[in-house]
Protein backbone atom coordinates (compact mmCIF):
# COMPACT_ATOMS: atom_id res chain seq x y z
CA MET A 1 -15.51 -3.20 2.26
CA ASN A 2 -17.93 -1.54 4.63
CA ILE A 3 -16.37 1.75 5.57
CA VAL A 4 -17.45 4.39 8.15
CA VAL A 5 -15.80 7.75 7.97
CA VAL A 6 -15.79 9.14 11.63
CA GLY A 7 -15.45 12.86 11.26
CA PRO A 8 -16.28 13.83 7.57
CA GLY A 9 -14.66 17.13 7.52
CA ALA A 10 -12.57 18.08 4.60
CA VAL A 11 -10.03 15.17 4.58
CA GLY A 12 -12.75 12.63 5.55
CA SER A 13 -15.18 13.78 2.95
CA LEU A 14 -12.52 13.54 0.35
CA TRP A 15 -11.83 9.90 1.34
CA ALA A 16 -15.43 9.13 1.90
CA TYR A 17 -16.38 10.26 -1.75
CA SER A 18 -13.32 8.60 -3.31
CA LEU A 19 -13.92 5.18 -1.32
CA GLN A 20 -17.42 5.18 -2.37
CA GLN A 21 -16.52 5.75 -6.07
CA ALA A 22 -13.99 3.02 -5.80
CA GLY A 23 -16.83 0.47 -4.97
CA HIS A 24 -16.85 0.35 -1.35
CA ARG A 25 -19.98 0.73 0.82
CA VAL A 26 -19.20 3.90 2.73
CA SER A 27 -21.17 5.67 5.46
CA LEU A 28 -20.41 8.69 7.64
CA TRP A 29 -20.69 9.30 11.45
CA GLY A 30 -20.37 12.83 12.85
CA THR A 31 -22.26 15.60 14.96
CA GLN A 32 -25.13 16.24 12.80
CA ASP A 33 -28.64 15.26 13.75
CA THR A 34 -29.67 13.41 10.59
CA SER A 35 -29.69 9.95 9.04
CA HIS A 36 -28.38 10.93 5.55
CA TRP A 37 -25.83 13.31 4.29
CA ALA A 38 -24.96 14.13 0.73
CA LEU A 39 -21.49 15.03 -0.35
CA GLN A 40 -20.32 16.39 -3.76
CA LEU A 41 -16.49 16.32 -4.52
CA ASP A 42 -15.40 19.11 -7.11
CA GLU A 43 -17.70 18.90 -10.02
CA SER A 44 -18.65 15.30 -9.71
CA PRO A 45 -22.36 14.28 -8.86
CA SER A 46 -23.52 14.52 -5.17
CA ILE A 47 -23.63 11.14 -3.38
CA ASP A 48 -25.92 10.46 -0.51
CA PHE A 49 -24.25 8.62 2.48
CA ALA A 50 -25.92 6.94 5.51
CA TYR A 51 -25.19 9.07 8.46
CA ASN A 52 -25.15 8.08 12.19
CA GLN A 53 -26.88 4.75 11.59
CA PRO A 54 -25.69 2.28 14.28
CA ASP A 55 -26.11 -0.78 11.90
CA THR A 56 -23.17 0.63 9.64
CA LEU A 57 -20.95 0.51 12.89
CA ARG A 58 -21.99 -3.09 13.70
CA HIS A 59 -21.06 -4.24 10.00
CA ALA A 60 -17.92 -2.11 9.70
CA ASP A 61 -14.88 -3.69 8.29
CA LEU A 62 -12.97 -0.34 8.59
CA LEU A 63 -13.26 2.77 10.59
CA LEU A 64 -11.58 5.84 9.01
CA ILE A 65 -11.17 8.30 11.83
CA THR A 66 -10.45 11.86 10.44
CA VAL A 67 -11.54 14.19 13.27
CA LYS A 68 -9.07 16.65 14.79
CA ALA A 69 -6.54 15.25 17.25
CA TRP A 70 -8.17 16.84 20.18
CA GLN A 71 -11.43 15.19 19.25
CA VAL A 72 -10.29 11.77 18.68
CA GLU A 73 -10.52 10.37 22.23
CA SER A 74 -14.27 11.84 22.81
CA ALA A 75 -15.24 10.72 19.25
CA LEU A 76 -14.13 7.19 19.36
CA GLN A 77 -14.84 6.04 23.11
CA PRO A 78 -18.69 5.75 22.55
CA LEU A 79 -18.23 3.87 19.36
CA LEU A 80 -15.84 1.06 20.73
CA PRO A 81 -18.73 -0.90 22.34
CA LEU A 82 -20.69 -0.74 19.10
CA ILE A 83 -18.11 -2.31 16.72
CA GLU A 84 -16.68 -5.67 16.36
CA GLN A 85 -13.17 -6.77 17.46
CA GLU A 86 -12.07 -7.44 14.08
CA THR A 87 -13.07 -3.92 12.81
CA ILE A 88 -9.81 -2.02 11.76
CA LEU A 89 -9.34 1.37 13.11
CA LEU A 90 -7.33 3.91 10.94
CA PHE A 91 -6.46 7.13 12.33
CA MET A 92 -5.62 10.11 10.12
CA HIS A 93 -5.12 13.42 11.81
CA ASN A 94 -2.39 16.12 12.19
CA GLY A 95 -0.26 15.88 15.12
CA MET A 96 0.76 13.20 17.64
CA GLY A 97 -0.19 11.94 20.97
CA ALA A 98 -3.94 11.73 20.47
CA LEU A 99 -3.99 8.00 21.11
CA ASP A 100 -1.74 8.18 24.22
CA ASN A 101 -5.05 7.81 26.62
CA LEU A 102 -6.40 5.16 24.12
CA ALA A 103 -3.77 2.77 23.78
CA ASP A 104 -5.13 0.18 26.30
CA ARG A 105 -8.75 0.28 24.96
CA LEU A 106 -7.28 -0.27 21.36
CA ARG A 107 -5.30 -3.41 22.10
CA THR A 108 -8.02 -5.73 20.90
CA PHE A 109 -8.64 -3.89 17.73
CA PRO A 110 -6.23 -3.80 14.66
CA ALA A 111 -5.11 -0.03 14.68
CA LEU A 112 -3.29 1.73 12.17
CA LEU A 113 -1.73 5.35 11.74
CA ALA A 114 -1.81 7.37 8.52
CA THR A 115 -0.56 10.60 7.31
CA THR A 116 -1.52 12.24 4.07
CA THR A 117 -0.46 15.41 2.00
CA HIS A 118 -3.64 15.49 -0.03
CA GLY A 119 -5.21 18.89 0.20
CA ALA A 120 -8.84 19.41 0.72
CA LEU A 121 -11.22 22.19 1.48
CA LYS A 122 -14.96 22.19 2.65
CA THR A 123 -16.58 24.99 0.55
CA SER A 124 -19.96 24.35 2.28
CA ALA A 125 -21.32 21.55 4.45
CA HIS A 126 -22.06 19.36 1.48
CA THR A 127 -19.28 20.28 -0.89
CA VAL A 128 -15.39 19.59 -0.76
CA LYS A 129 -12.62 20.41 -3.06
CA HIS A 130 -9.53 18.31 -3.80
CA THR A 131 -7.08 21.28 -3.58
CA GLY A 132 -3.77 19.31 -4.05
CA LEU A 133 -2.70 15.80 -4.99
CA GLY A 134 -0.70 14.14 -2.37
CA HIS A 135 0.74 10.89 -1.03
CA THR A 136 -0.67 8.88 2.00
CA GLN A 137 1.47 6.69 4.33
CA LEU A 138 0.02 4.17 6.71
CA GLY A 139 1.47 1.71 9.17
CA ALA A 140 0.74 -0.37 12.37
CA PHE A 141 -0.16 1.44 15.70
CA ASN A 142 -0.26 -2.01 17.34
CA PRO A 143 0.65 -5.85 16.68
CA LEU A 144 -2.83 -6.61 15.25
CA GLY A 145 -2.53 -3.54 12.90
CA ALA A 146 0.70 -4.87 11.53
CA GLN A 147 -1.35 -7.75 9.93
CA CYS A 148 -3.41 -5.20 7.97
CA GLU A 149 -0.92 -4.09 5.28
CA PHE A 150 -3.61 -4.90 2.60
CA ILE A 151 -5.45 -1.72 3.62
CA ALA A 152 -2.73 0.27 1.78
CA GLU A 153 -3.86 -1.15 -1.60
CA VAL A 154 -7.56 -0.61 -0.58
CA LEU A 155 -6.75 3.09 -0.10
CA ASN A 156 -4.49 3.31 -3.21
CA HIS A 157 -7.11 2.08 -5.47
CA ALA A 158 -9.32 4.92 -4.30
CA LEU A 159 -7.25 7.81 -3.93
CA PRO A 160 -3.53 7.22 -4.95
CA SER A 161 -0.67 7.16 -4.07
CA VAL A 162 -0.58 5.21 -0.76
CA ALA A 163 2.16 3.19 0.59
CA TRP A 164 2.48 0.83 3.53
CA ASN A 165 5.45 2.09 5.96
CA MET A 166 6.84 -0.13 8.43
CA HIS A 167 8.39 2.77 10.24
CA ILE A 168 5.11 5.17 10.31
CA GLU A 169 6.28 6.80 13.44
CA GLN A 170 9.38 8.34 11.43
CA ALA A 171 6.84 9.53 8.60
CA LEU A 172 4.63 11.08 11.41
CA TRP A 173 7.50 12.98 13.06
CA GLN A 174 8.55 14.30 9.66
CA LYS A 175 4.93 15.57 9.11
CA LEU A 176 4.86 16.90 12.62
CA ALA A 177 8.08 18.85 11.87
CA VAL A 178 6.70 20.40 8.87
CA ASN A 179 3.46 21.20 10.81
CA CYS A 180 5.45 22.91 13.59
CA ALA A 181 7.28 25.09 11.03
CA ILE A 182 4.20 26.12 8.89
CA ASN A 183 1.05 25.89 11.08
CA PRO A 184 1.57 28.27 13.95
CA LEU A 185 3.40 30.96 11.95
CA THR A 186 0.67 31.14 9.20
CA ALA A 187 -2.01 31.34 11.91
CA ILE A 188 -0.47 33.98 13.92
CA HIS A 189 0.46 36.21 10.88
CA HIS A 190 -2.53 35.42 9.00
CA ILE A 191 -0.43 34.48 5.71
CA THR A 192 -0.73 31.74 3.23
CA ASN A 193 1.90 29.05 3.18
CA GLY A 194 3.84 30.55 0.47
CA GLU A 195 4.34 33.78 2.25
CA LEU A 196 6.60 31.87 4.74
CA ALA A 197 9.20 32.08 2.04
CA GLN A 198 9.65 35.63 2.64
CA PRO A 199 13.11 36.49 4.34
CA GLN A 200 11.71 37.72 7.59
CA TYR A 201 10.59 34.22 8.54
CA ARG A 202 13.94 32.38 7.57
CA GLN A 203 15.35 32.68 11.22
CA THR A 204 12.22 31.69 12.96
CA LEU A 205 11.82 28.64 10.58
CA ASP A 206 15.24 27.54 11.22
CA SER A 207 15.16 27.60 14.90
CA ILE A 208 11.86 25.67 15.00
CA VAL A 209 13.25 23.03 12.78
CA THR A 210 16.62 22.99 14.65
CA GLU A 211 14.62 22.42 17.96
CA VAL A 212 12.36 19.59 16.47
CA VAL A 213 15.45 17.83 15.18
CA SER A 214 17.05 17.91 18.77
CA VAL A 215 13.81 16.35 20.10
CA MET A 216 13.66 13.63 17.22
CA GLN A 217 17.36 12.85 18.01
CA ALA A 218 16.49 12.41 21.74
CA GLU A 219 13.56 10.06 20.59
CA ARG A 220 16.10 8.21 18.57
CA MET A 221 14.39 9.06 15.19
CA PRO A 222 16.61 9.06 12.28
CA VAL A 223 16.76 12.58 11.03
CA ASP A 224 18.84 14.88 9.05
CA LEU A 225 18.70 18.62 9.59
CA ALA A 226 19.62 19.84 6.29
CA ALA A 227 17.12 17.36 4.70
CA LEU A 228 14.34 18.39 6.91
CA ARG A 229 14.93 22.13 6.33
CA ALA A 230 14.86 21.47 2.64
CA THR A 231 11.50 19.29 3.07
CA VAL A 232 9.91 22.29 5.06
CA ASP A 233 11.02 24.68 2.21
CA ASN A 234 9.60 22.51 -0.49
CA VAL A 235 6.22 22.18 1.29
CA ILE A 236 6.03 26.05 1.73
CA HIS A 237 6.44 26.46 -2.19
CA ALA A 238 4.44 23.24 -3.32
CA THR A 239 1.48 24.70 -1.15
CA ALA A 240 2.13 28.19 -1.58
CA ALA A 241 -1.50 29.38 -2.16
CA ASN A 242 -2.84 27.12 0.72
CA ARG A 243 -3.87 28.27 4.06
CA SER A 244 -2.97 25.92 6.96
CA SER A 245 -5.65 23.99 8.85
CA MET A 246 -4.36 26.05 11.94
CA HIS A 247 -4.75 29.28 10.07
CA GLN A 248 -8.30 28.45 9.17
CA ASP A 249 -9.02 27.46 12.61
CA ILE A 250 -7.72 30.52 14.08
CA PHE A 251 -9.57 32.57 11.40
CA HIS A 252 -12.86 30.87 12.28
CA ARG A 253 -12.15 31.03 15.99
CA ARG A 254 -12.17 27.20 16.33
CA ARG A 255 -10.09 25.36 18.69
CA THR A 256 -6.74 24.23 16.93
CA GLU A 257 -4.48 21.26 17.30
CA ILE A 258 -1.64 23.09 18.59
CA ASP A 259 -1.41 20.90 21.74
CA PHE A 260 -0.83 17.93 19.36
CA ILE A 261 1.63 19.50 17.13
CA THR A 262 3.96 22.17 18.72
CA GLY A 263 2.68 21.24 22.16
CA TYR A 264 3.81 17.63 21.64
CA VAL A 265 7.27 18.59 20.64
CA VAL A 266 7.37 20.96 23.90
CA ARG A 267 6.24 17.90 26.12
CA LYS A 268 8.93 15.68 24.59
CA ALA A 269 11.56 18.20 24.94
CA GLN A 270 10.74 18.61 28.53
CA GLN A 271 10.81 14.81 29.17
CA HIS A 272 14.35 14.93 27.71
CA GLY A 273 15.49 18.16 29.62
CA LEU A 274 15.80 20.03 26.30
CA ALA A 275 15.09 23.88 25.64
CA VAL A 276 12.90 24.66 22.67
CA PRO A 277 12.24 28.42 23.06
CA ALA A 278 11.07 28.99 19.44
CA ASN A 279 8.50 26.26 19.88
CA LEU A 280 7.46 27.12 23.36
CA ALA A 281 6.91 30.78 22.20
CA LEU A 282 4.59 29.63 19.37
CA HIS A 283 2.73 27.21 21.56
CA GLN A 284 2.18 29.89 23.93
CA HIS A 285 0.99 32.42 21.37
CA ILE A 286 -1.55 30.06 19.84
CA GLN A 287 -2.86 29.25 23.30
CA SER A 288 -3.21 32.84 24.30
CA ILE A 289 -5.27 33.62 21.04
CA GLU A 290 -7.51 30.79 22.00
CA GLN A 291 -7.95 31.88 25.58
CA SER A 292 -8.74 35.46 24.37
CA TRP A 293 -11.81 34.13 22.61
CA THR A 294 -13.50 32.83 25.83
CA GLN A 295 -12.31 35.88 27.88
CA SER A 296 -13.85 38.42 25.51
């Protein structure tokens, strides 16, 4: 397939390299002013990719969009007039709600949503490390996307394991709940994921998850509180040495995805008349940190 990876950060670079190695024609689209970009994955040889070349968009079978949630709209809008209506759009980012303002524009394209637990870290502009094996789920965002189940096998051949999920929104809510629990706390306290297993964080974690469950139930999402608590604990232990993406963003003074993670839960809670004080406090705390950078 002809594949364009839009936003080759850590996860995008991991997929770009893996898909190229699997035999696809992969190119990149991003913010650098260049026509080629080299990437190296772990100790494997460097690969040179076409970069920001309009022909790659015109011939694309698949756009894999891996920009941050808050970048999705601004990154994709200029590209839509340049691609064919048959081009499949696959969105892979943390959080939810990034496509709300794009839904009408996407109706004529097959659109898919994905969530992955693979770990990736950009160690330089041209090098990426695969820091943890994971599992990827994808499913349809719209009716045209529902006809693209074969993409799961395409991705699975490049970077297993990948599965098609007919109820992808449930998987996205599960990932959202985990991100709500881990990301803001690790960012605020400057700690690794594993340090959240310390007793002083137990009550806050329980409050966060309980609140998210109440919102999921209001959204008619199947969820079990005990199982979700166990999932959060499992992720904390399985990724103990990792630093969350929000931790990294705060450390480097970059805009976070808080509005599409905790902020999404807060907005949904407000729609349902639910109080979510723990999540609201975390949302406001991260926002205040971001605002302090512009004021200083």
